Amino acid sequence: MRPAGRLAGALLLALLLPAPAPAQPPSVPPAAAKPKPRPARPADLADQLAGLVFDANPATATPARDVLSRWAGPMRLFVFGRPADSQDAARAAASLSRATGLPMQLVAASQVAQLPPNTFLVADENLPGAFRGPLRQMLRNAFLDNEAAVDSYIDTVVAVQPCWTLPVWTDSTRLILKAAVIGIDARQPRPAIQRCMVQTLAAAIGLMGPGGALPGSVFTPQARAIRPSGDDTRLLRLLYGPTLRTGMTREQVHAAALAALQAPRPAPPRKTR
């Protein structure tokens, strides 16, 4: 067959044969939509709150009712360091107060002999004299006068971490916290210090609860979340608010929490011109 004939035959064959199907892209299964987290029922939150109050110390089976009398009133911030640290502490306290509804009171002090309950101590570890005064004494109390442990903590935690917190217990055998030492690194930019202080204060509030019964919540000592979930925020307000009273039984705590959770929220005040 001549070349022209072969070409004509090939064209005729191409016209008669069905066209190949277009290549299909590999099928990708659609991503499963993540279910939105459902808020906990009021009854579940009331159960969790009762667990926080009464199951805080399972080792000794000691009810933590006396915690309720120790943590009434606003949180207080005592500040060591420079005036700028006080300003950052005030901003951090205001941010945390808005997030949780807890009142915060900032008190500047160069020396604190005895820290009252509900106290955060904000310290600038770059001031050498701070560790020779009240702050080092608090560290000594926290480590039961173990000077080697105090020095090790300063070298391995304070000198390395941009923010750190240290619980100070009133009694080493019970989950009752008297204060939390908050450290900041003044070498960091001021906005970073402010963010870090809010995170650390939020973590310290978690430490100040009577237990860590909620995994992953702001109540656990390991939590460092600046943005607590809605359920955690509600529990914080119940735990530190006027709902609970010293001497309540577990049933009374549950009933009071449930009533507070189910009560209608007050309408916001109207703006006046």
C-alpha atoms as a PDB file:
ATOM      1  CA  MET A   1       0.000   0.000   0.000  1.00  0.00           C
ATOM      2  CA  ARG A   2       1.233   3.443  -0.870  1.00  0.00           C
ATOM      3  CA  PRO A   3       2.031   5.915   1.927  1.00  0.00           C
ATOM      4  CA  ALA A   4      -1.016   8.010   1.031  1.00  0.00           C
ATOM      5  CA  GLY A   5      -3.218   4.922   1.224  1.00  0.00           C
ATOM      6  CA  ARG A   6      -1.805   3.947   4.591  1.00  0.00           C
ATOM      7  CA  LEU A   7      -2.480   7.451   5.918  1.00  0.00           C
ATOM      8  CA  ALA A   8      -6.054   7.378   4.642  1.00  0.00           C
ATOM      9  CA  GLY A   9      -6.599   3.968   6.231  1.00  0.00           C
ATOM     10  CA  ALA A  10      -5.287   5.185   9.559  1.00  0.00           C
ATOM     11  CA  LEU A  11      -7.597   8.204   9.468  1.00  0.00           C
ATOM     12  CA  LEU A  12     -10.584   5.991   8.621  1.00  0.00           C
ATOM     13  CA  LEU A  13      -9.723   3.620  11.461  1.00  0.00           C
ATOM     14  CA  ALA A  14      -9.439   6.523  13.872  1.00  0.00           C
ATOM     15  CA  LEU A  15     -12.896   7.739  12.877  1.00  0.00           C
ATOM     16  CA  LEU A  16     -14.467   4.308  13.352  1.00  0.00           C
ATOM     17  CA  LEU A  17     -12.915   3.510  16.744  1.00  0.00           C
ATOM     18  CA  PRO A  18     -14.534   5.068  19.833  1.00  0.00           C
ATOM     19  CA  ALA A  19     -12.628   7.934  21.365  1.00  0.00           C
ATOM     20  CA  PRO A  20     -10.766   7.051  24.552  1.00  0.00           C
ATOM     21  CA  ALA A  21     -12.424   8.245  27.714  1.00  0.00           C
ATOM     22  CA  PRO A  22     -10.784  11.321  29.255  1.00  0.00           C
ATOM     23  CA  ALA A  23      -8.478  10.593  32.132  1.00  0.00           C
ATOM     24  CA  GLN A  24     -10.259  10.909  35.462  1.00  0.00           C
ATOM     25  CA  PRO A  25      -8.449  12.394  38.438  1.00  0.00           C
ATOM     26  CA  PRO A  26      -8.001   9.978  41.323  1.00  0.00           C
ATOM     27  CA  SER A  27     -11.036  10.004  43.542  1.00  0.00           C
ATOM     28  CA  VAL A  28     -10.472  11.644  46.916  1.00  0.00           C
ATOM     29  CA  PRO A  29     -12.996  10.835  49.616  1.00  0.00           C
ATOM     30  CA  PRO A  30     -14.538  13.991  51.058  1.00  0.00           C
ATOM     31  CA  ALA A  31     -13.138  14.996  54.401  1.00  0.00           C
ATOM     32  CA  ALA A  32     -15.410  14.081  57.221  1.00  0.00           C
ATOM     33  CA  ALA A  33     -16.913  17.144  58.826  1.00  0.00           C
ATOM     34  CA  LYS A  34     -15.757  17.574  62.390  1.00  0.00           C
ATOM     35  CA  PRO A  35     -18.686  17.563  64.773  1.00  0.00           C
ATOM     36  CA  LYS A  36     -19.073  20.761  66.706  1.00  0.00           C
ATOM     37  CA  PRO A  37     -18.469  20.302  70.417  1.00  0.00           C
ATOM     38  CA  ARG A  38     -21.705  20.374  72.303  1.00  0.00           C
ATOM     39  CA  PRO A  39     -21.818  22.362  75.513  1.00  0.00           C
ATOM     40  CA  ALA A  40     -22.157  20.246  78.588  1.00  0.00           C
ATOM     41  CA  ARG A  41     -25.571  19.942  80.156  1.00  0.00           C
ATOM     42  CA  PRO A  42     -26.103  21.952  83.348  1.00  0.00           C
ATOM     43  CA  ALA A  43     -26.500  18.724  85.314  1.00  0.00           C
ATOM     44  CA  ASP A  44     -23.127  17.470  84.031  1.00  0.00           C
ATOM     45  CA  LEU A  45     -21.436  20.753  84.936  1.00  0.00           C
ATOM     46  CA  ALA A  46     -22.965  20.599  88.404  1.00  0.00           C
ATOM     47  CA  ASP A  47     -21.587  17.067  88.795  1.00  0.00           C
ATOM     48  CA  GLN A  48     -18.136  18.245  87.701  1.00  0.00           C
ATOM     49  CA  LEU A  49     -18.217  21.141  90.142  1.00  0.00           C
ATOM     50  CA  ALA A  50     -19.181  18.839  93.002  1.00  0.00           C
ATOM     51  CA  GLY A  51     -16.302  16.596  91.993  1.00  0.00           C
ATOM     52  CA  LEU A  52     -13.895  19.521  92.032  1.00  0.00           C
ATOM     53  CA  VAL A  53     -14.968  20.471  95.538  1.00  0.00           C
ATOM     54  CA  PHE A  54     -15.288  17.075  97.198  1.00  0.00           C
ATOM     55  CA  ASP A  55     -13.009  14.759  95.200  1.00  0.00           C
ATOM     56  CA  ALA A  56      -9.975  17.042  95.246  1.00  0.00           C
ATOM     57  CA  ASN A  57      -7.990  14.953  97.693  1.00  0.00           C
ATOM     58  CA  PRO A  58      -8.873  11.277  97.225  1.00  0.00           C
ATOM     59  CA  ALA A  59      -5.687  10.165  98.998  1.00  0.00           C
ATOM     60  CA  THR A  60      -6.928  11.443 102.355  1.00  0.00           C
ATOM     61  CA  ALA A  61     -10.648  11.582 101.518  1.00  0.00           C
ATOM     62  CA  THR A  62     -10.685  15.090 102.971  1.00  0.00           C
ATOM     63  CA  PRO A  63     -13.512  17.277 101.668  1.00  0.00           C
ATOM     64  CA  ALA A  64     -12.223  20.543 100.300  1.00  0.00           C
ATOM     65  CA  ARG A  65     -15.037  22.615 101.763  1.00  0.00           C
ATOM     66  CA  ASP A  66     -12.612  24.896 103.587  1.00  0.00           C
ATOM     67  CA  VAL A  67     -11.226  25.931 100.212  1.00  0.00           C
ATOM     68  CA  LEU A  68     -14.466  27.792  99.624  1.00  0.00           C
ATOM     69  CA  SER A  69     -13.868  30.119 102.558  1.00  0.00           C
ATOM     70  CA  ARG A  70     -10.275  30.805 101.507  1.00  0.00           C
ATOM     71  CA  TRP A  71     -10.977  31.920  97.960  1.00  0.00           C
ATOM     72  CA  ALA A  72     -13.745  34.469  98.404  1.00  0.00           C
ATOM     73  CA  GLY A  73     -13.249  37.950  97.062  1.00  0.00           C
ATOM     74  CA  PRO A  74     -11.104  39.311  94.245  1.00  0.00           C
ATOM     75  CA  MET A  75      -7.802  37.931  93.095  1.00  0.00           C
ATOM     76  CA  ARG A  76      -4.933  40.206  94.087  1.00  0.00           C
ATOM     77  CA  LEU A  77      -1.764  40.811  92.125  1.00  0.00           C
ATOM     78  CA  PHE A  78       1.365  41.868  94.002  1.00  0.00           C
ATOM     79  CA  VAL A  79       4.049  43.049  91.624  1.00  0.00           C
ATOM     80  CA  PHE A  80       7.818  43.003  92.036  1.00  0.00           C
ATOM     81  CA  GLY A  81       9.904  44.772  89.435  1.00  0.00           C
ATOM     82  CA  ARG A  82       9.612  47.872  87.323  1.00  0.00           C
ATOM     83  CA  PRO A  83       6.597  50.136  86.786  1.00  0.00           C
ATOM     84  CA  ALA A  84       6.191  48.695  83.290  1.00  0.00           C
ATOM     85  CA  ASP A  85       5.690  45.275  84.861  1.00  0.00           C
ATOM     86  CA  SER A  86       2.842  46.677  86.935  1.00  0.00           C
ATOM     87  CA  GLN A  87       1.215  48.073  83.801  1.00  0.00           C
ATOM     88  CA  ASP A  88       1.500  44.744  82.008  1.00  0.00           C
ATOM     89  CA  ALA A  89       0.122  42.963  85.058  1.00  0.00           C
ATOM     90  CA  ALA A  90      -2.865  45.314  85.078  1.00  0.00           C
ATOM     91  CA  ARG A  91      -3.555  44.635  81.392  1.00  0.00           C
ATOM     92  CA  ALA A  92      -3.173  40.898  81.914  1.00  0.00           C
ATOM     93  CA  ALA A  93      -5.510  40.975  84.907  1.00  0.00           C
ATOM     94  CA  ALA A  94      -8.101  42.948  82.944  1.00  0.00           C
ATOM     95  CA  SER A  95      -7.952  40.484  80.042  1.00  0.00           C
ATOM     96  CA  LEU A  96      -8.339  37.525  82.349  1.00  0.00           C
ATOM     97  CA  SER A  97     -11.139  39.194  84.284  1.00  0.00           C
ATOM     98  CA  ARG A  98     -13.070  39.779  81.061  1.00  0.00           C
ATOM     99  CA  ALA A  99     -12.537  36.170  79.987  1.00  0.00           C
ATOM    100  CA  THR A 100     -13.653  34.550  83.232  1.00  0.00           C
ATOM    101  CA  GLY A 101     -15.828  37.126  84.970  1.00  0.00           C
ATOM    102  CA  LEU A 102     -13.573  36.974  88.041  1.00  0.00           C
ATOM    103  CA  PRO A 103     -12.717  40.274  89.766  1.00  0.00           C
ATOM    104  CA  MET A 104      -9.043  41.181  89.795  1.00  0.00           C
ATOM    105  CA  GLN A 105      -7.346  43.703  92.035  1.00  0.00           C
ATOM    106  CA  LEU A 106      -3.816  44.921  91.286  1.00  0.00           C
ATOM    107  CA  VAL A 107      -1.680  45.970  94.252  1.00  0.00           C
ATOM    108  CA  ALA A 108       1.870  47.179  93.685  1.00  0.00           C
ATOM    109  CA  ALA A 109       4.247  46.275  96.493  1.00  0.00           C
ATOM    110  CA  SER A 110       7.999  46.217  96.867  1.00  0.00           C
ATOM    111  CA  GLN A 111       7.844  43.929  99.873  1.00  0.00           C
ATOM    112  CA  VAL A 112       5.235  41.498 101.066  1.00  0.00           C
ATOM    113  CA  ALA A 113       5.862  39.909 104.448  1.00  0.00           C
ATOM    114  CA  GLN A 114       2.844  37.613 104.478  1.00  0.00           C
ATOM    115  CA  LEU A 115       0.861  37.072 101.334  1.00  0.00           C
ATOM    116  CA  PRO A 116      -2.889  36.788 101.844  1.00  0.00           C
ATOM    117  CA  PRO A 117      -4.972  34.197  99.987  1.00  0.00           C
ATOM    118  CA  ASN A 118      -5.948  34.794  96.365  1.00  0.00           C
ATOM    119  CA  THR A 119      -2.539  36.285  95.649  1.00  0.00           C
ATOM    120  CA  PHE A 120      -0.454  36.241  92.515  1.00  0.00           C
ATOM    121  CA  LEU A 121       3.114  37.430  92.926  1.00  0.00           C
ATOM    122  CA  VAL A 122       4.542  38.826  89.692  1.00  0.00           C
ATOM    123  CA  ALA A 123       8.323  38.905  89.759  1.00  0.00           C
ATOM    124  CA  ASP A 124      10.998  40.031  87.320  1.00  0.00           C
ATOM    125  CA  GLU A 125      13.761  37.446  87.609  1.00  0.00           C
ATOM    126  CA  ASN A 126      16.248  39.809  86.006  1.00  0.00           C
ATOM    127  CA  LEU A 127      16.317  41.825  89.211  1.00  0.00           C
ATOM    128  CA  PRO A 128      18.895  39.977  91.354  1.00  0.00           C
ATOM    129  CA  GLY A 129      17.663  41.561  94.551  1.00  0.00           C
ATOM    130  CA  ALA A 130      14.213  40.041  94.104  1.00  0.00           C
ATOM    131  CA  PHE A 131      15.526  36.600  94.967  1.00  0.00           C
ATOM    132  CA  ARG A 132      17.295  37.869  98.079  1.00  0.00           C
ATOM    133  CA  GLY A 133      14.026  39.172  99.482  1.00  0.00           C
ATOM    134  CA  PRO A 134      10.438  38.002  99.732  1.00  0.00           C
ATOM    135  CA  LEU A 135      10.457  36.057  96.464  1.00  0.00           C
ATOM    136  CA  ARG A 136      13.319  33.812  97.494  1.00  0.00           C
ATOM    137  CA  GLN A 137      11.635  33.313 100.860  1.00  0.00           C
ATOM    138  CA  MET A 138       8.515  32.120  99.089  1.00  0.00           C
ATOM    139  CA  LEU A 139      10.600  29.735  97.007  1.00  0.00           C
ATOM    140  CA  ARG A 140      12.227  28.489 100.205  1.00  0.00           C
ATOM    141  CA  ASN A 141       8.821  27.876 101.765  1.00  0.00           C
ATOM    142  CA  ALA A 142       7.608  26.070  98.656  1.00  0.00           C
ATOM    143  CA  PHE A 143      10.606  23.724  98.744  1.00  0.00           C
ATOM    144  CA  LEU A 144      10.488  23.230 102.540  1.00  0.00           C
ATOM    145  CA  ASP A 145      13.736  25.140 103.198  1.00  0.00           C
ATOM    146  CA  ASN A 146      15.695  23.052 100.699  1.00  0.00           C
ATOM    147  CA  GLU A 147      18.190  25.671  99.485  1.00  0.00           C
ATOM    148  CA  ALA A 148      19.624  23.326  96.850  1.00  0.00           C
ATOM    149  CA  ALA A 149      16.142  22.843  95.402  1.00  0.00           C
ATOM    150  CA  VAL A 150      15.595  26.610  95.373  1.00  0.00           C
ATOM    151  CA  ASP A 151      18.861  27.202  93.498  1.00  0.00           C
ATOM    152  CA  SER A 152      18.106  24.379  91.079  1.00  0.00           C
ATOM    153  CA  TYR A 153      14.633  25.759  90.387  1.00  0.00           C
ATOM    154  CA  ILE A 154      16.015  29.218  89.675  1.00  0.00           C
ATOM    155  CA  ASP A 155      18.717  27.830  87.372  1.00  0.00           C
ATOM    156  CA  THR A 156      16.612  25.309  85.463  1.00  0.00           C
ATOM    157  CA  VAL A 157      13.186  26.951  85.344  1.00  0.00           C
ATOM    158  CA  VAL A 158      13.327  30.645  86.136  1.00  0.00           C
ATOM    159  CA  ALA A 159      16.412  31.333  84.022  1.00  0.00           C
ATOM    160  CA  VAL A 160      15.100  29.355  81.039  1.00  0.00           C
ATOM    161  CA  GLN A 161      11.338  29.775  80.817  1.00  0.00           C
ATOM    162  CA  PRO A 162       9.896  33.110  79.616  1.00  0.00           C
ATOM    163  CA  CYS A 163       6.984  32.603  82.016  1.00  0.00           C
ATOM    164  CA  TRP A 164       6.713  30.323  84.990  1.00  0.00           C
ATOM    165  CA  THR A 165       4.449  29.736  87.938  1.00  0.00           C
ATOM    166  CA  LEU A 166       5.104  28.217  91.334  1.00  0.00           C
ATOM    167  CA  PRO A 167       2.332  27.161  93.716  1.00  0.00           C
ATOM    168  CA  VAL A 168       2.792  28.000  97.386  1.00  0.00           C
ATOM    169  CA  TRP A 169       0.791  25.669  99.598  1.00  0.00           C
ATOM    170  CA  THR A 170      -0.547  26.458 103.046  1.00  0.00           C
ATOM    171  CA  ASP A 171      -0.235  22.789 103.955  1.00  0.00           C
ATOM    172  CA  SER A 172       1.874  20.297 102.041  1.00  0.00           C
ATOM    173  CA  THR A 173      -0.634  17.519 102.708  1.00  0.00           C
ATOM    174  CA  ARG A 174      -3.711  19.282 101.371  1.00  0.00           C
ATOM    175  CA  LEU A 175      -4.756  20.843  98.100  1.00  0.00           C
ATOM    176  CA  ILE A 176      -5.129  24.348  99.485  1.00  0.00           C
ATOM    177  CA  LEU A 177      -3.101  26.954  97.691  1.00  0.00           C
ATOM    178  CA  LYS A 178      -2.118  30.186  99.403  1.00  0.00           C
ATOM    179  CA  ALA A 179      -0.470  31.949  96.494  1.00  0.00           C
ATOM    180  CA  ALA A 180       1.072  31.490  93.091  1.00  0.00           C
ATOM    181  CA  VAL A 181       4.407  33.031  92.189  1.00  0.00           C
ATOM    182  CA  ILE A 182       4.341  34.330  88.629  1.00  0.00           C
ATOM    183  CA  GLY A 183       7.644  35.017  86.897  1.00  0.00           C
ATOM    184  CA  ILE A 184       8.266  37.047  83.755  1.00  0.00           C
ATOM    185  CA  ASP A 185      11.289  37.614  81.551  1.00  0.00           C
ATOM    186  CA  ALA A 186      11.884  41.333  81.137  1.00  0.00           C
ATOM    187  CA  ARG A 187      14.123  40.698  78.111  1.00  0.00           C
ATOM    188  CA  GLN A 188      11.084  39.763  76.045  1.00  0.00           C
ATOM    189  CA  PRO A 189       9.133  42.438  74.100  1.00  0.00           C
ATOM    190  CA  ARG A 190       6.417  44.046  76.167  1.00  0.00           C
ATOM    191  CA  PRO A 191       3.491  42.592  74.112  1.00  0.00           C
ATOM    192  CA  ALA A 192       5.005  39.123  74.481  1.00  0.00           C
ATOM    193  CA  ILE A 193       5.286  39.641  78.234  1.00  0.00           C
ATOM    194  CA  GLN A 194       1.655  40.692  78.430  1.00  0.00           C
ATOM    195  CA  ARG A 195       0.467  37.635  76.487  1.00  0.00           C
ATOM    196  CA  CYS A 196       2.685  35.378  78.551  1.00  0.00           C
ATOM    197  CA  MET A 197       1.399  36.844  81.803  1.00  0.00           C
ATOM    198  CA  VAL A 198      -2.206  36.288  80.775  1.00  0.00           C
ATOM    199  CA  GLN A 199      -1.408  32.670  79.939  1.00  0.00           C
ATOM    200  CA  THR A 200       0.437  32.148  83.202  1.00  0.00           C
ATOM    201  CA  LEU A 201      -2.252  33.821  85.287  1.00  0.00           C
ATOM    202  CA  ALA A 202      -4.878  31.657  83.608  1.00  0.00           C
ATOM    203  CA  ALA A 203      -2.831  28.599  84.452  1.00  0.00           C
ATOM    204  CA  ALA A 204      -2.428  29.785  88.037  1.00  0.00           C
ATOM    205  CA  ILE A 205      -6.177  30.182  88.424  1.00  0.00           C
ATOM    206  CA  GLY A 206      -6.418  26.576  87.343  1.00  0.00           C
ATOM    207  CA  LEU A 207      -3.899  25.654  90.012  1.00  0.00           C
ATOM    208  CA  MET A 208      -5.903  27.569  92.583  1.00  0.00           C
ATOM    209  CA  GLY A 209      -8.945  25.393  92.110  1.00  0.00           C
ATOM    210  CA  PRO A 210      -9.376  22.624  94.673  1.00  0.00           C
ATOM    211  CA  GLY A 211      -8.374  19.919  92.202  1.00  0.00           C
ATOM    212  CA  GLY A 212      -7.675  18.857  88.645  1.00  0.00           C
ATOM    213  CA  ALA A 213     -10.671  16.666  87.957  1.00  0.00           C
ATOM    214  CA  LEU A 214     -11.269  17.811  84.386  1.00  0.00           C
ATOM    215  CA  PRO A 215      -8.639  16.474  81.934  1.00  0.00           C
ATOM    216  CA  GLY A 216      -7.471  19.170  79.555  1.00  0.00           C
ATOM    217  CA  SER A 217      -9.321  21.970  81.306  1.00  0.00           C
ATOM    218  CA  VAL A 218      -7.997  25.135  82.883  1.00  0.00           C
ATOM    219  CA  PHE A 219      -8.285  23.462  86.273  1.00  0.00           C
ATOM    220  CA  THR A 220      -5.383  21.071  85.666  1.00  0.00           C
ATOM    221  CA  PRO A 221      -1.905  22.183  86.748  1.00  0.00           C
ATOM    222  CA  GLN A 222      -0.574  21.225  83.321  1.00  0.00           C
ATOM    223  CA  ALA A 223      -3.011  23.438  81.434  1.00  0.00           C
ATOM    224  CA  ARG A 224      -1.590  26.596  79.942  1.00  0.00           C
ATOM    225  CA  ALA A 225      -4.571  27.674  77.863  1.00  0.00           C
ATOM    226  CA  ILE A 226      -5.332  31.376  77.675  1.00  0.00           C
ATOM    227  CA  ARG A 227      -8.731  30.688  76.115  1.00  0.00           C
ATOM    228  CA  PRO A 228     -10.747  28.419  78.390  1.00  0.00           C
ATOM    229  CA  SER A 229     -13.745  26.695  76.896  1.00  0.00           C
ATOM    230  CA  GLY A 230     -17.205  27.991  77.630  1.00  0.00           C
ATOM    231  CA  ASP A 231     -17.838  25.161  80.071  1.00  0.00           C
ATOM    232  CA  ASP A 232     -14.579  25.820  81.912  1.00  0.00           C
ATOM    233  CA  THR A 233     -15.438  29.507  82.178  1.00  0.00           C
ATOM    234  CA  ARG A 234     -18.832  28.688  83.671  1.00  0.00           C
ATOM    235  CA  LEU A 235     -17.226  26.373  86.197  1.00  0.00           C
ATOM    236  CA  LEU A 236     -14.670  29.031  87.091  1.00  0.00           C
ATOM    237  CA  ARG A 237     -17.418  31.524  87.783  1.00  0.00           C
ATOM    238  CA  LEU A 238     -19.262  29.018  89.928  1.00  0.00           C
ATOM    239  CA  LEU A 239     -16.143  27.958  91.793  1.00  0.00           C
ATOM    240  CA  TYR A 240     -15.007  31.476  92.681  1.00  0.00           C
ATOM    241  CA  GLY A 241     -18.386  33.189  92.721  1.00  0.00           C
ATOM    242  CA  PRO A 242     -21.006  33.525  95.465  1.00  0.00           C
ATOM    243  CA  THR A 243     -22.749  30.242  94.567  1.00  0.00           C
ATOM    244  CA  LEU A 244     -20.816  28.063  97.024  1.00  0.00           C
ATOM    245  CA  ARG A 245     -20.714  28.385 100.786  1.00  0.00           C
ATOM    246  CA  THR A 246     -18.451  26.820 103.365  1.00  0.00           C
ATOM    247  CA  GLY A 247     -19.961  23.730 104.961  1.00  0.00           C
ATOM    248  CA  MET A 248     -22.155  22.747 102.021  1.00  0.00           C
ATOM    249  CA  THR A 249     -22.764  19.060 101.444  1.00  0.00           C
ATOM    250  CA  ARG A 250     -22.180  17.516  98.045  1.00  0.00           C
ATOM    251  CA  GLU A 251     -25.917  17.541  97.352  1.00  0.00           C
ATOM    252  CA  GLN A 252     -26.152  21.225  98.294  1.00  0.00           C
ATOM    253  CA  VAL A 253     -23.228  22.092  96.015  1.00  0.00           C
ATOM    254  CA  HIS A 254     -24.869  20.219  93.153  1.00  0.00           C
ATOM    255  CA  ALA A 255     -28.240  21.904  93.730  1.00  0.00           C
ATOM    256  CA  ALA A 256     -26.735  25.392  94.046  1.00  0.00           C
ATOM    257  CA  ALA A 257     -24.636  24.961  90.912  1.00  0.00           C
ATOM    258  CA  LEU A 258     -27.573  23.602  88.930  1.00  0.00           C
ATOM    259  CA  ALA A 259     -29.783  26.500  90.009  1.00  0.00           C
ATOM    260  CA  ALA A 260     -27.109  29.021  89.048  1.00  0.00           C
ATOM    261  CA  LEU A 261     -26.567  27.391  85.646  1.00  0.00           C
ATOM    262  CA  GLN A 262     -30.268  27.278  84.851  1.00  0.00           C
ATOM    263  CA  ALA A 263     -31.015  30.810  86.039  1.00  0.00           C
ATOM    264  CA  PRO A 264     -31.635  33.308  83.223  1.00  0.00           C
ATOM    265  CA  ARG A 265     -28.753  35.630  82.569  1.00  0.00           C
ATOM    266  CA  PRO A 266     -29.371  39.261  83.521  1.00  0.00           C
ATOM    267  CA  ALA A 267     -29.875  41.607  80.619  1.00  0.00           C
ATOM    268  CA  PRO A 268     -26.921  43.889  79.890  1.00  0.00           C
ATOM    269  CA  PRO A 269     -27.384  47.473  81.054  1.00  0.00           C
ATOM    270  CA  ARG A 270     -28.675  49.855  78.443  1.00  0.00           C
ATOM    271  CA  LYS A 271     -26.330  52.502  77.193  1.00  0.00           C
ATOM    272  CA  THR A 272     -27.395  55.992  78.130  1.00  0.00           C
ATOM    273  CA  ARG A 273     -26.636  58.897  75.888  1.00  0.00           C
END
